[in-house]
Amino acid sequence: MFKHVLVPTDGSPLSGTAVTRSIAFAREIDARLTFFYSQPDFPMPIYGEGALIDPTTPEQFAQAAEQEAQRILDRAKAEAEAAGVSADTDSQVNETPYEAIIAAAGRHDCDLIFMASHGRRGIAGLLLGSETQRVLTHSKIPVLVYR
């Protein structure tokens, strides 16, 4: 049924567990994986009273974000390959991760998105928001949520 699964990851422990479960899932259904990391964009500096000055340049920030993305994606790909599952990686800079995730699924012709959720409910879910919830709301392909 599903042949190509996009797995967004951010390197967190919950995301790492979802990576491991996605690999087992892909092995069971004989699918290939694409691990995706949405890199943050350089934050706009805020000036005024009480503002903190960050000496990081946009170039330094981009380089650090790219290195972090590569580290996270290389670890996921190595885990998949060790389990005998075909996997690729992708990363993109985007201020809105849910849009980047959906775009990556389309770019790679994925037929399923497999992602983690913290499972926040009530006021915490409302205030903190959820990239998973946004993907569920806007995706035109199925989304499997791991908790």
C-alpha atoms as a PDB file:
ATOM      1  CA  MET A   1       0.000   0.000   0.000  1.00  0.00           C
ATOM      2  CA  PHE A   2       2.602   2.577   1.074  1.00  0.00           C
ATOM      3  CA  LYS A   3       5.901   2.518  -0.802  1.00  0.00           C
ATOM      4  CA  HIS A   4       7.653   5.769   0.131  1.00  0.00           C
ATOM      5  CA  VAL A   5       7.390   7.258   3.621  1.00  0.00           C
ATOM      6  CA  LEU A   6       8.544  10.725   4.696  1.00  0.00           C
ATOM      7  CA  VAL A   7       9.795  10.838   8.288  1.00  0.00           C
ATOM      8  CA  PRO A   8      10.283  14.358   9.685  1.00  0.00           C
ATOM      9  CA  THR A   9      12.795  14.428  12.530  1.00  0.00           C
ATOM     10  CA  ASP A  10      14.179  17.145  14.769  1.00  0.00           C
ATOM     11  CA  GLY A  11      16.685  15.115  16.776  1.00  0.00           C
ATOM     12  CA  SER A  12      14.617  15.092  19.979  1.00  0.00           C
ATOM     13  CA  PRO A  13      14.245  11.860  21.982  1.00  0.00           C
ATOM     14  CA  LEU A  14      10.576  11.520  20.902  1.00  0.00           C
ATOM     15  CA  SER A  15      11.534  12.080  17.278  1.00  0.00           C
ATOM     16  CA  GLY A  16      14.340   9.534  17.626  1.00  0.00           C
ATOM     17  CA  THR A  17      11.867   6.944  18.868  1.00  0.00           C
ATOM     18  CA  ALA A  18       9.608   7.724  15.906  1.00  0.00           C
ATOM     19  CA  VAL A  19      12.584   7.243  13.552  1.00  0.00           C
ATOM     20  CA  THR A  20      13.193   3.793  15.046  1.00  0.00           C
ATOM     21  CA  ARG A  21       9.499   2.856  14.761  1.00  0.00           C
ATOM     22  CA  SER A  22       9.298   4.169  11.196  1.00  0.00           C
ATOM     23  CA  ILE A  23      12.203   1.930  10.236  1.00  0.00           C
ATOM     24  CA  ALA A  24      10.451  -1.130  11.686  1.00  0.00           C
ATOM     25  CA  PHE A  25       7.233  -0.073   9.933  1.00  0.00           C
ATOM     26  CA  ALA A  26       9.002   0.400   6.583  1.00  0.00           C
ATOM     27  CA  ARG A  27      10.698  -2.981   6.905  1.00  0.00           C
ATOM     28  CA  GLU A  28       7.328  -4.652   7.561  1.00  0.00           C
ATOM     29  CA  ILE A  29       5.625  -3.085   4.531  1.00  0.00           C
ATOM     30  CA  ASP A  30       8.698  -3.114   2.265  1.00  0.00           C
ATOM     31  CA  ALA A  31       8.767   0.670   1.843  1.00  0.00           C
ATOM     32  CA  ARG A  32      11.624   3.110   1.507  1.00  0.00           C
ATOM     33  CA  LEU A  33      12.117   6.128   3.756  1.00  0.00           C
ATOM     34  CA  THR A  34      13.118   9.736   3.328  1.00  0.00           C
ATOM     35  CA  PHE A  35      14.158  11.412   6.577  1.00  0.00           C
ATOM     36  CA  PHE A  36      13.504  15.156   6.595  1.00  0.00           C
ATOM     37  CA  TYR A  37      14.772  17.954   8.816  1.00  0.00           C
ATOM     38  CA  SER A  38      13.287  21.457   8.630  1.00  0.00           C
ATOM     39  CA  GLN A  39      16.116  23.872   9.389  1.00  0.00           C
ATOM     40  CA  PRO A  40      15.301  27.061  11.253  1.00  0.00           C
ATOM     41  CA  ASP A  41      15.850  30.353   9.507  1.00  0.00           C
ATOM     42  CA  PHE A  42      18.056  33.038  11.049  1.00  0.00           C
ATOM     43  CA  PRO A  43      15.961  34.777  13.723  1.00  0.00           C
ATOM     44  CA  MET A  44      15.218  38.416  13.135  1.00  0.00           C
ATOM     45  CA  PRO A  45      17.116  40.520  15.654  1.00  0.00           C
ATOM     46  CA  ILE A  46      15.045  42.474  18.144  1.00  0.00           C
ATOM     47  CA  TYR A  47      16.374  45.844  19.146  1.00  0.00           C
ATOM     48  CA  GLY A  48      15.405  48.066  21.996  1.00  0.00           C
ATOM     49  CA  GLU A  49      15.667  48.243  25.722  1.00  0.00           C
ATOM     50  CA  GLY A  50      16.535  44.892  27.276  1.00  0.00           C
ATOM     51  CA  ALA A  51      17.393  43.250  23.936  1.00  0.00           C
ATOM     52  CA  LEU A  52      20.171  40.701  23.928  1.00  0.00           C
ATOM     53  CA  ILE A  53      22.829  41.071  21.289  1.00  0.00           C
ATOM     54  CA  ASP A  54      23.677  37.830  19.508  1.00  0.00           C
ATOM     55  CA  PRO A  55      27.066  38.013  17.822  1.00  0.00           C
ATOM     56  CA  THR A  56      26.175  35.156  15.454  1.00  0.00           C
ATOM     57  CA  THR A  57      26.060  36.186  11.816  1.00  0.00           C
ATOM     58  CA  PRO A  58      23.415  34.792   9.454  1.00  0.00           C
ATOM     59  CA  GLU A  59      26.166  32.812   7.705  1.00  0.00           C
ATOM     60  CA  GLN A  60      27.372  31.278  10.986  1.00  0.00           C
ATOM     61  CA  PHE A  61      23.806  30.423  11.947  1.00  0.00           C
ATOM     62  CA  ALA A  62      23.139  28.781   8.558  1.00  0.00           C
ATOM     63  CA  GLN A  63      26.345  26.750   8.781  1.00  0.00           C
ATOM     64  CA  ALA A  64      25.540  25.548  12.315  1.00  0.00           C
ATOM     65  CA  ALA A  65      21.968  24.661  11.300  1.00  0.00           C
ATOM     66  CA  GLU A  66      23.231  22.715   8.273  1.00  0.00           C
ATOM     67  CA  GLN A  67      25.724  20.796  10.421  1.00  0.00           C
ATOM     68  CA  GLU A  68      22.998  19.958  12.953  1.00  0.00           C
ATOM     69  CA  ALA A  69      20.662  18.809  10.177  1.00  0.00           C
ATOM     70  CA  GLN A  70      23.362  16.610   8.657  1.00  0.00           C
ATOM     71  CA  ARG A  71      24.198  15.045  12.040  1.00  0.00           C
ATOM     72  CA  ILE A  72      20.548  14.199  12.750  1.00  0.00           C
ATOM     73  CA  LEU A  73      19.845  12.906   9.236  1.00  0.00           C
ATOM     74  CA  ASP A  74      23.054  10.856   9.019  1.00  0.00           C
ATOM     75  CA  ARG A  75      22.163   9.111  12.296  1.00  0.00           C
ATOM     76  CA  ALA A  76      18.649   8.258  11.054  1.00  0.00           C
ATOM     77  CA  LYS A  77      19.922   7.012   7.687  1.00  0.00           C
ATOM     78  CA  ALA A  78      22.600   4.851   9.318  1.00  0.00           C
ATOM     79  CA  GLU A  79      19.984   3.295  11.600  1.00  0.00           C
ATOM     80  CA  ALA A  80      17.756   2.504   8.612  1.00  0.00           C
ATOM     81  CA  GLU A  81      20.592   1.047   6.580  1.00  0.00           C
ATOM     82  CA  ALA A  82      21.671  -1.120   9.527  1.00  0.00           C
ATOM     83  CA  ALA A  83      18.118  -2.522   9.552  1.00  0.00           C
ATOM     84  CA  GLY A  84      18.204  -3.161   5.801  1.00  0.00           C
ATOM     85  CA  VAL A  85      15.780  -0.361   4.905  1.00  0.00           C
ATOM     86  CA  SER A  86      16.468   1.922   1.949  1.00  0.00           C
ATOM     87  CA  ALA A  87      16.618   5.547   3.079  1.00  0.00           C
ATOM     88  CA  ASP A  88      17.405   9.005   1.747  1.00  0.00           C
ATOM     89  CA  THR A  89      17.650  12.350   3.513  1.00  0.00           C
ATOM     90  CA  ASP A  90      16.535  15.892   2.810  1.00  0.00           C
ATOM     91  CA  SER A  91      16.642  19.211   4.617  1.00  0.00           C
ATOM     92  CA  GLN A  92      15.286  22.648   3.863  1.00  0.00           C
ATOM     93  CA  VAL A  93      15.343  26.035   5.565  1.00  0.00           C
ATOM     94  CA  ASN A  94      11.822  27.197   6.320  1.00  0.00           C
ATOM     95  CA  GLU A  95      10.218  29.371   8.996  1.00  0.00           C
ATOM     96  CA  THR A  96       7.145  27.121   9.065  1.00  0.00           C
ATOM     97  CA  PRO A  97       8.166  23.480   9.536  1.00  0.00           C
ATOM     98  CA  TYR A  98       4.740  22.027   8.713  1.00  0.00           C
ATOM     99  CA  GLU A  99       4.837  23.652   5.266  1.00  0.00           C
ATOM    100  CA  ALA A 100       8.363  22.339   4.694  1.00  0.00           C
ATOM    101  CA  ILE A 101       7.267  18.830   5.703  1.00  0.00           C
ATOM    102  CA  ILE A 102       4.302  18.819   3.326  1.00  0.00           C
ATOM    103  CA  ALA A 103       6.441  20.274   0.518  1.00  0.00           C
ATOM    104  CA  ALA A 104       9.119  17.616   1.082  1.00  0.00           C
ATOM    105  CA  ALA A 105       6.504  14.854   0.876  1.00  0.00           C
ATOM    106  CA  GLY A 106       5.382  16.230  -2.472  1.00  0.00           C
ATOM    107  CA  ARG A 107       8.910  16.802  -3.759  1.00  0.00           C
ATOM    108  CA  HIS A 108       9.863  13.194  -3.019  1.00  0.00           C
ATOM    109  CA  ASP A 109       6.544  11.725  -4.171  1.00  0.00           C
ATOM    110  CA  CYS A 110       5.896  10.182  -0.747  1.00  0.00           C
ATOM    111  CA  ASP A 111       2.587   8.450  -0.135  1.00  0.00           C
ATOM    112  CA  LEU A 112       2.693   8.639   3.692  1.00  0.00           C
ATOM    113  CA  ILE A 113       4.089  10.957   6.358  1.00  0.00           C
ATOM    114  CA  PHE A 114       5.157   9.178   9.575  1.00  0.00           C
ATOM    115  CA  MET A 115       5.745  11.617  12.414  1.00  0.00           C
ATOM    116  CA  ALA A 116       5.862  11.919  16.182  1.00  0.00           C
ATOM    117  CA  SER A 117       3.517  13.867  18.415  1.00  0.00           C
ATOM    118  CA  HIS A 118       3.971  15.005  21.988  1.00  0.00           C
ATOM    119  CA  GLY A 119       0.247  14.488  22.472  1.00  0.00           C
ATOM    120  CA  ARG A 120      -0.347  17.813  24.206  1.00  0.00           C
ATOM    121  CA  ARG A 121      -3.996  18.431  24.888  1.00  0.00           C
ATOM    122  CA  GLY A 122      -6.131  21.188  26.279  1.00  0.00           C
ATOM    123  CA  ILE A 123      -4.646  24.613  26.888  1.00  0.00           C
ATOM    124  CA  ALA A 124      -1.036  23.401  26.457  1.00  0.00           C
ATOM    125  CA  GLY A 125      -1.851  22.092  22.989  1.00  0.00           C
ATOM    126  CA  LEU A 126      -3.693  25.290  22.133  1.00  0.00           C
ATOM    127  CA  LEU A 127      -0.946  27.624  23.343  1.00  0.00           C
ATOM    128  CA  LEU A 128       2.091  25.654  22.204  1.00  0.00           C
ATOM    129  CA  GLY A 129       0.599  24.518  18.936  1.00  0.00           C
ATOM    130  CA  SER A 130       1.703  21.413  17.155  1.00  0.00           C
ATOM    131  CA  GLU A 131       3.532  20.917  13.885  1.00  0.00           C
ATOM    132  CA  THR A 132       1.955  17.456  13.752  1.00  0.00           C
ATOM    133  CA  GLN A 133      -1.520  18.946  14.073  1.00  0.00           C
ATOM    134  CA  ARG A 134      -0.739  21.434  11.321  1.00  0.00           C
ATOM    135  CA  VAL A 135       0.530  18.670   9.033  1.00  0.00           C
ATOM    136  CA  LEU A 136      -2.605  16.630   9.765  1.00  0.00           C
ATOM    137  CA  THR A 137      -4.781  19.622   8.934  1.00  0.00           C
ATOM    138  CA  HIS A 138      -3.052  20.625   5.693  1.00  0.00           C
ATOM    139  CA  SER A 139      -1.622  17.409   4.215  1.00  0.00           C
ATOM    140  CA  LYS A 140      -3.305  15.871   1.203  1.00  0.00           C
ATOM    141  CA  ILE A 141      -1.601  12.515   1.805  1.00  0.00           C
ATOM    142  CA  PRO A 142      -2.099  10.201   4.820  1.00  0.00           C
ATOM    143  CA  VAL A 143      -0.252  10.980   8.052  1.00  0.00           C
ATOM    144  CA  LEU A 144       0.589   8.287  10.588  1.00  0.00           C
ATOM    145  CA  VAL A 145       1.146   9.802  14.041  1.00  0.00           C
ATOM    146  CA  TYR A 146       3.398   7.981  16.512  1.00  0.00           C
ATOM    147  CA  ARG A 147       3.002   8.643  20.254  1.00  0.00           C
END
